[in-house]
């Protein structure tokens, strides 16, 4: 994301302490190191369902064309997010990502980053 831009965090369950700790720690670290970064909402719960992560990511990409990043705390979050990005318009598609690495869209629009705490989107 280059140190600025908007992102959203997904968690399997808001009652899962590990997921909430990851999302909170990532947010605190990001805002300390990159003051221009913005998380657009509190972490969104997917219920550990890939289809929920997919549909939420797809909705967010449509609603927020300037959304540049996703943080997924559950293995299914990352799979659903990756699918939504891949199926998006050509200018918003991303390639494969590694845990903690960026998956970039075409240069005509800002990159979409997928951060994985447990797995990668393929």
PDB file of N, CA and C in Angstrom:
ATOM      1  N   UNK A   1       0.815  -1.188   0.000  1.00  0.00           N
ATOM      2  CA  UNK A   1       0.000   0.000   0.000  1.00  0.00           C
ATOM      3  C   UNK A   1       0.857   1.249   0.000  1.00  0.00           C
ATOM      4  N   UNK A   2       2.120   1.107   0.229  1.00  0.00           N
ATOM      5  CA  UNK A   2       2.993   2.263   0.155  1.00  0.00           C
ATOM      6  C   UNK A   2       2.931   3.204   1.346  1.00  0.00           C
ATOM      7  N   UNK A   3       2.367   2.770   2.464  1.00  0.00           N
ATOM      8  CA  UNK A   3       2.360   3.589   3.660  1.00  0.00           C
ATOM      9  C   UNK A   3       1.168   4.508   3.815  1.00  0.00           C
ATOM     10  N   UNK A   4       0.241   4.478   2.854  1.00  0.00           N
ATOM     11  CA  UNK A   4      -0.971   5.274   3.006  1.00  0.00           C
ATOM     12  C   UNK A   4      -2.118   4.557   2.311  1.00  0.00           C
ATOM     13  N   UNK A   5      -3.316   5.106   2.446  1.00  0.00           N
ATOM     14  CA  UNK A   5      -4.474   4.514   1.803  1.00  0.00           C
ATOM     15  C   UNK A   5      -5.429   3.884   2.795  1.00  0.00           C
ATOM     16  N   UNK A   6      -6.516   3.344   2.248  1.00  0.00           N
ATOM     17  CA  UNK A   6      -7.578   2.755   3.059  1.00  0.00           C
ATOM     18  C   UNK A   6      -7.508   1.233   3.026  1.00  0.00           C
ATOM     19  N   UNK A   7      -7.791   0.631   4.186  1.00  0.00           N
ATOM     20  CA  UNK A   7      -7.849  -0.819   4.257  1.00  0.00           C
ATOM     21  C   UNK A   7      -8.952  -1.236   5.210  1.00  0.00           C
ATOM     22  N   UNK A   8      -9.246  -2.515   5.203  1.00  0.00           N
ATOM     23  CA  UNK A   8     -10.256  -3.092   6.087  1.00  0.00           C
ATOM     24  C   UNK A   8      -9.700  -4.393   6.663  1.00  0.00           C
ATOM     25  N   UNK A   9     -10.096  -4.690   7.892  1.00  0.00           N
ATOM     26  CA  UNK A   9      -9.661  -5.927   8.552  1.00  0.00           C
ATOM     27  C   UNK A   9     -10.848  -6.872   8.678  1.00  0.00           C
ATOM     28  N   UNK A  10     -10.616  -8.141   8.365  1.00  0.00           N
ATOM     29  CA  UNK A  10     -11.609  -9.199   8.554  1.00  0.00           C
ATOM     30  C   UNK A  10     -11.123 -10.107   9.673  1.00  0.00           C
ATOM     31  N   UNK A  11     -12.053 -10.564  10.489  1.00  0.00           N
ATOM     32  CA  UNK A  11     -11.756 -11.559  11.525  1.00  0.00           C
ATOM     33  C   UNK A  11     -12.793 -12.669  11.411  1.00  0.00           C
ATOM     34  N   UNK A  12     -12.404 -13.876  11.788  1.00  0.00           N
ATOM     35  CA  UNK A  12     -13.351 -14.985  11.766  1.00  0.00           C
ATOM     36  C   UNK A  12     -14.516 -14.716  12.700  1.00  0.00           C
ATOM     37  N   UNK A  13     -14.193 -14.314  13.918  1.00  0.00           N
ATOM     38  CA  UNK A  13     -15.201 -13.981  14.930  1.00  0.00           C
ATOM     39  C   UNK A  13     -14.668 -12.829  15.773  1.00  0.00           C
ATOM     40  N   UNK A  14     -15.519 -11.887  16.085  1.00  0.00           N
ATOM     41  CA  UNK A  14     -15.087 -10.783  16.946  1.00  0.00           C
ATOM     42  C   UNK A  14     -14.849 -11.265  18.376  1.00  0.00           C
ATOM     43  N   UNK A  15     -15.302 -12.469  18.697  1.00  0.00           N
ATOM     44  CA  UNK A  15     -15.051 -13.050  20.016  1.00  0.00           C
ATOM     45  C   UNK A  15     -13.763 -13.873  20.045  1.00  0.00           C
ATOM     46  N   UNK A  16     -13.127 -14.050  18.895  1.00  0.00           N
ATOM     47  CA  UNK A  16     -11.857 -14.787  18.830  1.00  0.00           C
ATOM     48  C   UNK A  16     -10.738 -13.837  19.257  1.00  0.00           C
ATOM     49  N   UNK A  17     -10.219 -14.058  20.451  1.00  0.00           N
ATOM     50  CA  UNK A  17      -9.211 -13.131  20.980  1.00  0.00           C
ATOM     51  C   UNK A  17      -7.991 -13.025  20.084  1.00  0.00           C
ATOM     52  N   UNK A  18      -7.543 -14.152  19.527  1.00  0.00           N
ATOM     53  CA  UNK A  18      -6.345 -14.090  18.687  1.00  0.00           C
ATOM     54  C   UNK A  18      -6.595 -13.240  17.448  1.00  0.00           C
ATOM     55  N   UNK A  19      -7.739 -13.398  16.795  1.00  0.00           N
ATOM     56  CA  UNK A  19      -8.038 -12.603  15.603  1.00  0.00           C
ATOM     57  C   UNK A  19      -8.133 -11.120  15.937  1.00  0.00           C
ATOM     58  N   UNK A  20      -8.803 -10.808  17.041  1.00  0.00           N
ATOM     59  CA  UNK A  20      -8.944  -9.405  17.432  1.00  0.00           C
ATOM     60  C   UNK A  20      -7.597  -8.809  17.850  1.00  0.00           C
ATOM     61  N   UNK A  21      -6.765  -9.618  18.484  1.00  0.00           N
ATOM     62  CA  UNK A  21      -5.429  -9.125  18.849  1.00  0.00           C
ATOM     63  C   UNK A  21      -4.608  -8.844  17.601  1.00  0.00           C
ATOM     64  N   UNK A  22      -4.673  -9.740  16.606  1.00  0.00           N
ATOM     65  CA  UNK A  22      -3.940  -9.518  15.356  1.00  0.00           C
ATOM     66  C   UNK A  22      -4.419  -8.236  14.686  1.00  0.00           C
ATOM     67  N   UNK A  23      -5.746  -8.081  14.580  1.00  0.00           N
ATOM     68  CA  UNK A  23      -6.303  -6.899  13.911  1.00  0.00           C
ATOM     69  C   UNK A  23      -5.945  -5.617  14.667  1.00  0.00           C
ATOM     70  N   UNK A  24      -6.020  -5.664  15.991  1.00  0.00           N
ATOM     71  CA  UNK A  24      -5.689  -4.493  16.803  1.00  0.00           C
ATOM     72  C   UNK A  24      -4.208  -4.159  16.701  1.00  0.00           C
ATOM     73  N   UNK A  25      -3.363  -5.171  16.817  1.00  0.00           N
ATOM     74  CA  UNK A  25      -1.917  -4.945  16.729  1.00  0.00           C
ATOM     75  C   UNK A  25      -1.525  -4.406  15.352  1.00  0.00           C
ATOM     76  N   UNK A  26      -2.124  -4.960  14.299  1.00  0.00           N
ATOM     77  CA  UNK A  26      -1.820  -4.490  12.947  1.00  0.00           C
ATOM     78  C   UNK A  26      -2.235  -3.033  12.783  1.00  0.00           C
ATOM     79  N   UNK A  27      -3.408  -2.692  13.304  1.00  0.00           N
ATOM     80  CA  UNK A  27      -3.890  -1.310  13.218  1.00  0.00           C
ATOM     81  C   UNK A  27      -2.983  -0.363  13.993  1.00  0.00           C
ATOM     82  N   UNK A  28      -2.641  -0.742  15.217  1.00  0.00           N
ATOM     83  CA  UNK A  28      -1.773   0.121  16.030  1.00  0.00           C
ATOM     84  C   UNK A  28      -0.414   0.307  15.375  1.00  0.00           C
ATOM     85  N   UNK A  29       0.153  -0.759  14.879  1.00  0.00           N
ATOM     86  CA  UNK A  29       1.466  -0.683  14.225  1.00  0.00           C
ATOM     87  C   UNK A  29       1.391   0.160  12.949  1.00  0.00           C
ATOM     88  N   UNK A  30       0.358  -0.081  12.168  1.00  0.00           N
ATOM     89  CA  UNK A  30       0.220   0.651  10.911  1.00  0.00           C
ATOM     90  C   UNK A  30       0.069   2.145  11.156  1.00  0.00           C
ATOM     91  N   UNK A  31      -0.775   2.523  12.109  1.00  0.00           N
ATOM     92  CA  UNK A  31      -0.986   3.954  12.343  1.00  0.00           C
ATOM     93  C   UNK A  31       0.222   4.623  12.981  1.00  0.00           C
ATOM     94  N   UNK A  32       1.031   3.862  13.722  1.00  0.00           N
ATOM     95  CA  UNK A  32       2.255   4.428  14.286  1.00  0.00           C
ATOM     96  C   UNK A  32       3.296   4.653  13.197  1.00  0.00           C
ATOM     97  N   UNK A  33       3.457   3.642  12.358  1.00  0.00           N
ATOM     98  CA  UNK A  33       4.501   3.706  11.342  1.00  0.00           C
ATOM     99  C   UNK A  33       4.063   4.495  10.103  1.00  0.00           C
ATOM    100  N   UNK A  34       2.780   4.418   9.783  1.00  0.00           N
ATOM    101  CA  UNK A  34       2.239   5.067   8.588  1.00  0.00           C
ATOM    102  C   UNK A  34       1.018   5.909   8.969  1.00  0.00           C
ATOM    103  N   UNK A  35       1.208   7.126   9.411  1.00  0.00           N
ATOM    104  CA  UNK A  35       0.091   7.940   9.891  1.00  0.00           C
ATOM    105  C   UNK A  35      -0.978   8.232   8.839  1.00  0.00           C
ATOM    106  N   UNK A  36      -0.677   8.038   7.576  1.00  0.00           N
ATOM    107  CA  UNK A  36      -1.646   8.315   6.508  1.00  0.00           C
ATOM    108  C   UNK A  36      -2.536   7.110   6.189  1.00  0.00           C
ATOM    109  N   UNK A  37      -2.334   5.988   6.857  1.00  0.00           N
ATOM    110  CA  UNK A  37      -3.137   4.800   6.602  1.00  0.00           C
ATOM    111  C   UNK A  37      -4.449   4.899   7.391  1.00  0.00           C
ATOM    112  N   UNK A  38      -5.541   4.412   6.784  1.00  0.00           N
ATOM    113  CA  UNK A  38      -6.865   4.516   7.387  1.00  0.00           C
ATOM    114  C   UNK A  38      -7.567   3.167   7.313  1.00  0.00           C
ATOM    115  N   UNK A  39      -8.022   2.675   8.463  1.00  0.00           N
ATOM    116  CA  UNK A  39      -8.881   1.486   8.462  1.00  0.00           C
ATOM    117  C   UNK A  39     -10.309   2.002   8.387  1.00  0.00           C
ATOM    118  N   UNK A  40     -11.085   1.547   7.413  1.00  0.00           N
ATOM    119  CA  UNK A  40     -12.393   2.149   7.137  1.00  0.00           C
ATOM    120  C   UNK A  40     -13.486   1.744   8.116  1.00  0.00           C
ATOM    121  N   UNK A  41     -13.247   0.730   8.944  1.00  0.00           N
ATOM    122  CA  UNK A  41     -14.260   0.321   9.922  1.00  0.00           C
ATOM    123  C   UNK A  41     -13.589  -0.526  10.995  1.00  0.00           C
ATOM    124  N   UNK A  42     -14.354  -0.841  12.008  1.00  0.00           N
ATOM    125  CA  UNK A  42     -13.894  -1.836  12.976  1.00  0.00           C
ATOM    126  C   UNK A  42     -13.775  -3.161  12.224  1.00  0.00           C
ATOM    127  N   UNK A  43     -13.017  -4.129  12.754  1.00  0.00           N
ATOM    128  CA  UNK A  43     -12.897  -5.416  12.059  1.00  0.00           C
ATOM    129  C   UNK A  43     -14.260  -6.040  11.760  1.00  0.00           C
ATOM    130  N   UNK A  44     -14.379  -6.571  10.556  1.00  0.00           N
ATOM    131  CA  UNK A  44     -15.626  -7.190  10.107  1.00  0.00           C
ATOM    132  C   UNK A  44     -15.576  -8.697  10.348  1.00  0.00           C
ATOM    133  N   UNK A  45     -16.654  -9.240  10.861  1.00  0.00           N
ATOM    134  CA  UNK A  45     -16.727 -10.661  11.197  1.00  0.00           C
ATOM    135  C   UNK A  45     -17.232 -11.472  10.000  1.00  0.00           C
ATOM    136  N   UNK A  46     -16.528 -12.568   9.717  1.00  0.00           N
ATOM    137  CA  UNK A  46     -16.913 -13.429   8.599  1.00  0.00           C
ATOM    138  C   UNK A  46     -17.514 -14.755   9.052  1.00  0.00           C
ATOM    139  N   UNK A  47     -17.451 -15.050  10.326  1.00  0.00           N
ATOM    140  CA  UNK A  47     -17.979 -16.307  10.819  1.00  0.00           C
ATOM    141  C   UNK A  47     -17.191 -17.516  10.330  1.00  0.00           C
ATOM    142  N   UNK A  48     -15.941 -17.291   9.937  1.00  0.00           N
ATOM    143  CA  UNK A  48     -15.082 -18.361   9.406  1.00  0.00           C
ATOM    144  C   UNK A  48     -15.701 -18.990   8.159  1.00  0.00           C
ATOM    145  N   UNK A  49     -16.389 -18.180   7.367  1.00  0.00           N
ATOM    146  CA  UNK A  49     -17.030 -18.669   6.140  1.00  0.00           C
ATOM    147  C   UNK A  49     -16.424 -17.950   4.930  1.00  0.00           C
ATOM    148  N   UNK A  50     -15.889 -18.735   4.008  1.00  0.00           N
ATOM    149  CA  UNK A  50     -15.249 -18.168   2.829  1.00  0.00           C
ATOM    150  C   UNK A  50     -16.242 -17.368   1.997  1.00  0.00           C
ATOM    151  N   UNK A  51     -17.468 -17.827   1.880  1.00  0.00           N
ATOM    152  CA  UNK A  51     -18.469 -17.106   1.091  1.00  0.00           C
ATOM    153  C   UNK A  51     -18.809 -15.750   1.712  1.00  0.00           C
ATOM    154  N   UNK A  52     -18.810 -15.684   3.042  1.00  0.00           N
ATOM    155  CA  UNK A  52     -19.068 -14.408   3.715  1.00  0.00           C
ATOM    156  C   UNK A  52     -17.914 -13.439   3.462  1.00  0.00           C
ATOM    157  N   UNK A  53     -16.685 -13.920   3.589  1.00  0.00           N
ATOM    158  CA  UNK A  53     -15.517 -13.074   3.309  1.00  0.00           C
ATOM    159  C   UNK A  53     -15.550 -12.590   1.860  1.00  0.00           C
ATOM    160  N   UNK A  54     -15.892 -13.490   0.961  1.00  0.00           N
ATOM    161  CA  UNK A  54     -15.982 -13.150  -0.462  1.00  0.00           C
ATOM    162  C   UNK A  54     -17.037 -12.077  -0.709  1.00  0.00           C
ATOM    163  N   UNK A  55     -18.243 -12.283  -0.196  1.00  0.00           N
ATOM    164  CA  UNK A  55     -19.316 -11.325  -0.466  1.00  0.00           C
ATOM    165  C   UNK A  55     -19.045  -9.972   0.194  1.00  0.00           C
ATOM    166  N   UNK A  56     -18.480  -9.990   1.410  1.00  0.00           N
ATOM    167  CA  UNK A  56     -18.157  -8.720   2.067  1.00  0.00           C
ATOM    168  C   UNK A  56     -17.063  -7.976   1.305  1.00  0.00           C
ATOM    169  N   UNK A  57     -16.046  -8.700   0.862  1.00  0.00           N
ATOM    170  CA  UNK A  57     -14.959  -8.060   0.109  1.00  0.00           C
ATOM    171  C   UNK A  57     -15.475  -7.497  -1.205  1.00  0.00           C
ATOM    172  N   UNK A  58     -16.328  -8.248  -1.875  1.00  0.00           N
ATOM    173  CA  UNK A  58     -16.888  -7.796  -3.145  1.00  0.00           C
ATOM    174  C   UNK A  58     -17.715  -6.515  -2.945  1.00  0.00           C
ATOM    175  N   UNK A  59     -18.537  -6.493  -1.904  1.00  0.00           N
ATOM    176  CA  UNK A  59     -19.334  -5.304  -1.588  1.00  0.00           C
ATOM    177  C   UNK A  59     -18.441  -4.106  -1.274  1.00  0.00           C
ATOM    178  N   UNK A  60     -17.395  -4.349  -0.485  1.00  0.00           N
ATOM    179  CA  UNK A  60     -16.501  -3.252  -0.109  1.00  0.00           C
ATOM    180  C   UNK A  60     -15.749  -2.697  -1.309  1.00  0.00           C
ATOM    181  N   UNK A  61     -15.316  -3.563  -2.207  1.00  0.00           N
ATOM    182  CA  UNK A  61     -14.624  -3.096  -3.413  1.00  0.00           C
ATOM    183  C   UNK A  61     -15.542  -2.240  -4.275  1.00  0.00           C
ATOM    184  N   UNK A  62     -16.823  -2.586  -4.324  1.00  0.00           N
ATOM    185  CA  UNK A  62     -17.774  -1.795  -5.102  1.00  0.00           C
ATOM    186  C   UNK A  62     -18.097  -0.476  -4.402  1.00  0.00           C
ATOM    187  N   UNK A  63     -18.247  -0.518  -3.097  1.00  0.00           N
ATOM    188  CA  UNK A  63     -18.623   0.665  -2.329  1.00  0.00           C
ATOM    189  C   UNK A  63     -17.462   1.648  -2.141  1.00  0.00           C
ATOM    190  N   UNK A  64     -16.257   1.117  -2.054  1.00  0.00           N
ATOM    191  CA  UNK A  64     -15.060   1.945  -1.808  1.00  0.00           C
ATOM    192  C   UNK A  64     -14.041   1.725  -2.929  1.00  0.00           C
ATOM    193  N   UNK A  65     -14.191   2.416  -4.051  1.00  0.00           N
ATOM    194  CA  UNK A  65     -13.251   2.209  -5.161  1.00  0.00           C
ATOM    195  C   UNK A  65     -11.812   2.569  -4.811  1.00  0.00           C
ATOM    196  N   UNK A  66     -11.628   3.324  -3.734  1.00  0.00           N
ATOM    197  CA  UNK A  66     -10.272   3.696  -3.321  1.00  0.00           C
ATOM    198  C   UNK A  66      -9.707   2.764  -2.252  1.00  0.00           C
ATOM    199  N   UNK A  67     -10.398   1.669  -1.966  1.00  0.00           N
ATOM    200  CA  UNK A  67      -9.922   0.693  -0.986  1.00  0.00           C
ATOM    201  C   UNK A  67      -8.682   0.002  -1.536  1.00  0.00           C
ATOM    202  N   UNK A  68      -7.613   0.002  -0.755  1.00  0.00           N
ATOM    203  CA  UNK A  68      -6.343  -0.531  -1.230  1.00  0.00           C
ATOM    204  C   UNK A  68      -5.873  -1.782  -0.522  1.00  0.00           C
ATOM    205  N   UNK A  69      -6.443  -2.102   0.629  1.00  0.00           N
ATOM    206  CA  UNK A  69      -5.912  -3.255   1.346  1.00  0.00           C
ATOM    207  C   UNK A  69      -6.947  -3.984   2.169  1.00  0.00           C
ATOM    208  N   UNK A  70      -6.658  -5.257   2.390  1.00  0.00           N
ATOM    209  CA  UNK A  70      -7.449  -6.130   3.243  1.00  0.00           C
ATOM    210  C   UNK A  70      -6.500  -6.837   4.198  1.00  0.00           C
ATOM    211  N   UNK A  71      -6.932  -6.984   5.421  1.00  0.00           N
ATOM    212  CA  UNK A  71      -6.211  -7.802   6.384  1.00  0.00           C
ATOM    213  C   UNK A  71      -7.130  -8.957   6.733  1.00  0.00           C
ATOM    214  N   UNK A  72      -6.656 -10.179   6.551  1.00  0.00           N
ATOM    215  CA  UNK A  72      -7.461 -11.357   6.869  1.00  0.00           C
ATOM    216  C   UNK A  72      -6.844 -12.128   8.010  1.00  0.00           C
ATOM    217  N   UNK A  73      -7.591 -12.327   9.073  1.00  0.00           N
ATOM    218  CA  UNK A  73      -7.069 -13.051  10.234  1.00  0.00           C
ATOM    219  C   UNK A  73      -7.388 -14.534  10.195  1.00  0.00           C
ATOM    220  N   UNK A  74      -8.335 -14.926   9.381  1.00  0.00           N
ATOM    221  CA  UNK A  74      -8.720 -16.330   9.250  1.00  0.00           C
ATOM    222  C   UNK A  74      -8.312 -16.839   7.872  1.00  0.00           C
ATOM    223  N   UNK A  75      -7.951 -18.097   7.784  1.00  0.00           N
ATOM    224  CA  UNK A  75      -7.563 -18.669   6.502  1.00  0.00           C
ATOM    225  C   UNK A  75      -8.674 -18.491   5.469  1.00  0.00           C
ATOM    226  N   UNK A  76      -9.923 -18.582   5.881  1.00  0.00           N
ATOM    227  CA  UNK A  76     -11.011 -18.429   4.915  1.00  0.00           C
ATOM    228  C   UNK A  76     -11.204 -16.971   4.516  1.00  0.00           C
ATOM    229  N   UNK A  77     -10.851 -16.045   5.388  1.00  0.00           N
ATOM    230  CA  UNK A  77     -10.940 -14.628   5.035  1.00  0.00           C
ATOM    231  C   UNK A  77     -10.083 -14.350   3.806  1.00  0.00           C
ATOM    232  N   UNK A  78      -8.869 -14.799   3.851  1.00  0.00           N
ATOM    233  CA  UNK A  78      -7.911 -14.519   2.784  1.00  0.00           C
ATOM    234  C   UNK A  78      -8.350 -15.164   1.474  1.00  0.00           C
ATOM    235  N   UNK A  79      -8.889 -16.370   1.547  1.00  0.00           N
ATOM    236  CA  UNK A  79      -9.367 -17.043   0.334  1.00  0.00           C
ATOM    237  C   UNK A  79     -10.535 -16.275  -0.282  1.00  0.00           C
ATOM    238  N   UNK A  80     -11.478 -15.842   0.534  1.00  0.00           N
ATOM    239  CA  UNK A  80     -12.621 -15.089   0.023  1.00  0.00           C
ATOM    240  C   UNK A  80     -12.231 -13.732  -0.527  1.00  0.00           C
ATOM    241  N   UNK A  81     -11.330 -13.049   0.171  1.00  0.00           N
ATOM    242  CA  UNK A  81     -10.845 -11.745  -0.290  1.00  0.00           C
ATOM    243  C   UNK A  81     -10.136 -11.899  -1.636  1.00  0.00           C
ATOM    244  N   UNK A  82      -9.260 -12.880  -1.716  1.00  0.00           N
ATOM    245  CA  UNK A  82      -8.519 -13.112  -2.966  1.00  0.00           C
ATOM    246  C   UNK A  82      -9.445 -13.374  -4.135  1.00  0.00           C
ATOM    247  N   UNK A  83     -10.488 -14.168  -3.915  1.00  0.00           N
ATOM    248  CA  UNK A  83     -11.456 -14.460  -4.974  1.00  0.00           C
ATOM    249  C   UNK A  83     -12.170 -13.187  -5.412  1.00  0.00           C
ATOM    250  N   UNK A  84     -12.597 -12.350  -4.462  1.00  0.00           N
ATOM    251  CA  UNK A  84     -13.290 -11.106  -4.807  1.00  0.00           C
ATOM    252  C   UNK A  84     -12.394 -10.184  -5.629  1.00  0.00           C
ATOM    253  N   UNK A  85     -11.137 -10.106  -5.270  1.00  0.00           N
ATOM    254  CA  UNK A  85     -10.198  -9.252  -6.017  1.00  0.00           C
ATOM    255  C   UNK A  85      -9.982  -9.816  -7.415  1.00  0.00           C
ATOM    256  N   UNK A  86      -9.753 -11.127  -7.505  1.00  0.00           N
ATOM    257  CA  UNK A  86      -9.531 -11.767  -8.809  1.00  0.00           C
ATOM    258  C   UNK A  86     -10.711 -11.580  -9.742  1.00  0.00           C
ATOM    259  N   UNK A  87     -11.929 -11.663  -9.209  1.00  0.00           N
ATOM    260  CA  UNK A  87     -13.117 -11.561 -10.044  1.00  0.00           C
ATOM    261  C   UNK A  87     -13.524 -10.129 -10.341  1.00  0.00           C
ATOM    262  N   UNK A  88     -12.872  -9.171  -9.710  1.00  0.00           N
ATOM    263  CA  UNK A  88     -13.214  -7.770  -9.912  1.00  0.00           C
ATOM    264  C   UNK A  88     -12.843  -7.304 -11.304  1.00  0.00           C
ATOM    265  N   UNK A  89     -13.161  -6.042 -11.604  1.00  0.00           N
ATOM    266  CA  UNK A  89     -12.795  -5.478 -12.906  1.00  0.00           C
ATOM    267  C   UNK A  89     -11.291  -5.601 -13.154  1.00  0.00           C
ATOM    268  N   UNK A  90     -10.909  -5.660 -14.406  1.00  0.00           N
ATOM    269  CA  UNK A  90      -9.506  -5.881 -14.768  1.00  0.00           C
ATOM    270  C   UNK A  90      -8.553  -4.937 -14.062  1.00  0.00           C
ATOM    271  N   UNK A  91      -8.930  -3.687 -13.892  1.00  0.00           N
ATOM    272  CA  UNK A  91      -8.060  -2.718 -13.245  1.00  0.00           C
ATOM    273  C   UNK A  91      -7.926  -2.924 -11.747  1.00  0.00           C
ATOM    274  N   UNK A  92      -8.740  -3.811 -11.169  1.00  0.00           N
ATOM    275  CA  UNK A  92      -8.715  -4.033  -9.729  1.00  0.00           C
ATOM    276  C   UNK A  92      -8.264  -5.448  -9.375  1.00  0.00           C
ATOM    277  N   UNK A  93      -7.867  -6.240 -10.337  1.00  0.00           N
ATOM    278  CA  UNK A  93      -7.445  -7.598 -10.055  1.00  0.00           C
ATOM    279  C   UNK A  93      -6.079  -7.629  -9.401  1.00  0.00           C
ATOM    280  N   UNK A  94      -5.834  -8.656  -8.616  1.00  0.00           N
ATOM    281  CA  UNK A  94      -4.539  -8.812  -7.961  1.00  0.00           C
ATOM    282  C   UNK A  94      -3.979 -10.180  -8.286  1.00  0.00           C
ATOM    283  N   UNK A  95      -2.668 -10.295  -8.197  1.00  0.00           N
ATOM    284  CA  UNK A  95      -2.023 -11.584  -8.363  1.00  0.00           C
ATOM    285  C   UNK A  95      -1.972 -12.307  -7.037  1.00  0.00           C
ATOM    286  N   UNK A  96      -1.259 -13.408  -7.012  1.00  0.00           N
ATOM    287  CA  UNK A  96      -1.123 -14.185  -5.782  1.00  0.00           C
ATOM    288  C   UNK A  96      -0.321 -13.396  -4.752  1.00  0.00           C
ATOM    289  N   UNK A  97      -0.539 -13.703  -3.486  1.00  0.00           N
ATOM    290  CA  UNK A  97       0.213 -13.018  -2.442  1.00  0.00           C
ATOM    291  C   UNK A  97       0.786 -14.024  -1.463  1.00  0.00           C
ATOM    292  N   UNK A  98       1.824 -13.615  -0.758  1.00  0.00           N
ATOM    293  CA  UNK A  98       2.392 -14.415   0.317  1.00  0.00           C
ATOM    294  C   UNK A  98       1.981 -13.790   1.628  1.00  0.00           C
ATOM    295  N   UNK A  99       2.087 -14.543   2.685  1.00  0.00           N
ATOM    296  CA  UNK A  99       1.734 -14.001   4.004  1.00  0.00           C
ATOM    297  C   UNK A  99       2.526 -12.721   4.246  1.00  0.00           C
ATOM    298  N   UNK A 100       1.839 -11.646   4.505  1.00  0.00           N
ATOM    299  CA  UNK A 100       2.483 -10.381   4.797  1.00  0.00           C
ATOM    300  C   UNK A 100       2.963  -9.610   3.585  1.00  0.00           C
ATOM    301  N   UNK A 101       2.742 -10.130   2.386  1.00  0.00           N
ATOM    302  CA  UNK A 101       3.203  -9.454   1.173  1.00  0.00           C
ATOM    303  C   UNK A 101       2.034  -8.808   0.454  1.00  0.00           C
ATOM    304  N   UNK A 102       2.349  -7.932  -0.463  1.00  0.00           N
ATOM    305  CA  UNK A 102       1.319  -7.232  -1.227  1.00  0.00           C
ATOM    306  C   UNK A 102       0.985  -7.974  -2.509  1.00  0.00           C
ATOM    307  N   UNK A 103      -0.284  -7.895  -2.883  1.00  0.00           N
ATOM    308  CA  UNK A 103      -0.729  -8.370  -4.191  1.00  0.00           C
ATOM    309  C   UNK A 103      -1.167  -7.127  -4.951  1.00  0.00           C
ATOM    310  N   UNK A 104      -0.495  -6.813  -6.051  1.00  0.00           N
ATOM    311  CA  UNK A 104      -0.719  -5.529  -6.722  1.00  0.00           C
ATOM    312  C   UNK A 104      -1.614  -5.649  -7.936  1.00  0.00           C
ATOM    313  N   UNK A 105      -2.464  -4.635  -8.080  1.00  0.00           N
ATOM    314  CA  UNK A 105      -3.290  -4.470  -9.267  1.00  0.00           C
ATOM    315  C   UNK A 105      -2.450  -3.793 -10.336  1.00  0.00           C
ATOM    316  N   UNK A 106      -3.068  -3.558 -11.477  1.00  0.00           N
ATOM    317  CA  UNK A 106      -2.418  -2.820 -12.548  1.00  0.00           C
ATOM    318  C   UNK A 106      -2.057  -1.418 -12.102  1.00  0.00           C
ATOM    319  N   UNK A 107      -1.118  -0.804 -12.738  1.00  0.00           N
ATOM    320  CA  UNK A 107      -0.628   0.519 -12.348  1.00  0.00           C
ATOM    321  C   UNK A 107      -1.641   1.629 -12.603  1.00  0.00           C
ATOM    322  N   UNK A 108      -2.704   1.357 -13.353  1.00  0.00           N
ATOM    323  CA  UNK A 108      -3.691   2.402 -13.615  1.00  0.00           C
ATOM    324  C   UNK A 108      -4.471   2.776 -12.361  1.00  0.00           C
ATOM    325  N   UNK A 109      -4.464   1.913 -11.377  1.00  0.00           N
ATOM    326  CA  UNK A 109      -5.149   2.198 -10.118  1.00  0.00           C
ATOM    327  C   UNK A 109      -4.256   1.730  -8.980  1.00  0.00           C
ATOM    328  N   UNK A 110      -4.503   2.211  -7.756  1.00  0.00           N
ATOM    329  CA  UNK A 110      -3.626   1.830  -6.652  1.00  0.00           C
ATOM    330  C   UNK A 110      -3.682   0.335  -6.375  1.00  0.00           C
ATOM    331  N   UNK A 111      -2.622  -0.221  -5.791  1.00  0.00           N
ATOM    332  CA  UNK A 111      -2.591  -1.654  -5.538  1.00  0.00           C
ATOM    333  C   UNK A 111      -3.550  -2.058  -4.422  1.00  0.00           C
ATOM    334  N   UNK A 112      -4.030  -3.285  -4.508  1.00  0.00           N
ATOM    335  CA  UNK A 112      -4.805  -3.877  -3.415  1.00  0.00           C
ATOM    336  C   UNK A 112      -3.853  -4.809  -2.686  1.00  0.00           C
ATOM    337  N   UNK A 113      -3.752  -4.660  -1.394  1.00  0.00           N
ATOM    338  CA  UNK A 113      -2.890  -5.520  -0.596  1.00  0.00           C
ATOM    339  C   UNK A 113      -3.733  -6.508   0.165  1.00  0.00           C
ATOM    340  N   UNK A 114      -3.285  -7.739   0.212  1.00  0.00           N
ATOM    341  CA  UNK A 114      -3.934  -8.758   1.039  1.00  0.00           C
ATOM    342  C   UNK A 114      -2.926  -9.184   2.080  1.00  0.00           C
ATOM    343  N   UNK A 115      -3.223  -8.918   3.336  1.00  0.00           N
ATOM    344  CA  UNK A 115      -2.337  -9.323   4.412  1.00  0.00           C
ATOM    345  C   UNK A 115      -2.898 -10.578   5.018  1.00  0.00           C
ATOM    346  N   UNK A 116      -2.100 -11.587   5.116  1.00  0.00           N
ATOM    347  CA  UNK A 116      -2.563 -12.862   5.658  1.00  0.00           C
ATOM    348  C   UNK A 116      -1.836 -13.170   6.950  1.00  0.00           C
ATOM    349  N   UNK A 117      -2.594 -13.463   7.966  1.00  0.00           N
ATOM    350  CA  UNK A 117      -1.983 -13.861   9.231  1.00  0.00           C
ATOM    351  C   UNK A 117      -1.720 -15.355   9.254  1.00  0.00           C
ATOM    352  N   UNK A 118      -2.499 -16.134   8.507  1.00  0.00           N
ATOM    353  CA  UNK A 118      -2.368 -17.573   8.563  1.00  0.00           C
ATOM    354  C   UNK A 118      -2.141 -18.235   7.212  1.00  0.00           C
ATOM    355  N   UNK A 119      -2.581 -17.617   6.143  1.00  0.00           N
ATOM    356  CA  UNK A 119      -2.515 -18.286   4.834  1.00  0.00           C
ATOM    357  C   UNK A 119      -2.416 -17.250   3.738  1.00  0.00           C
ATOM    358  N   UNK A 120      -2.291 -17.726   2.514  1.00  0.00           N
ATOM    359  CA  UNK A 120      -2.176 -16.828   1.377  1.00  0.00           C
ATOM    360  C   UNK A 120      -3.341 -16.993   0.439  1.00  0.00           C
ATOM    361  N   UNK A 121      -3.646 -15.959  -0.312  1.00  0.00           N
ATOM    362  CA  UNK A 121      -4.670 -16.030  -1.349  1.00  0.00           C
ATOM    363  C   UNK A 121      -3.995 -16.494  -2.622  1.00  0.00           C
ATOM    364  N   UNK A 122      -4.609 -17.407  -3.312  1.00  0.00           N
ATOM    365  CA  UNK A 122      -4.054 -17.882  -4.591  1.00  0.00           C
ATOM    366  C   UNK A 122      -5.065 -17.776  -5.698  1.00  0.00           C
TER     367      UNK A 122
END
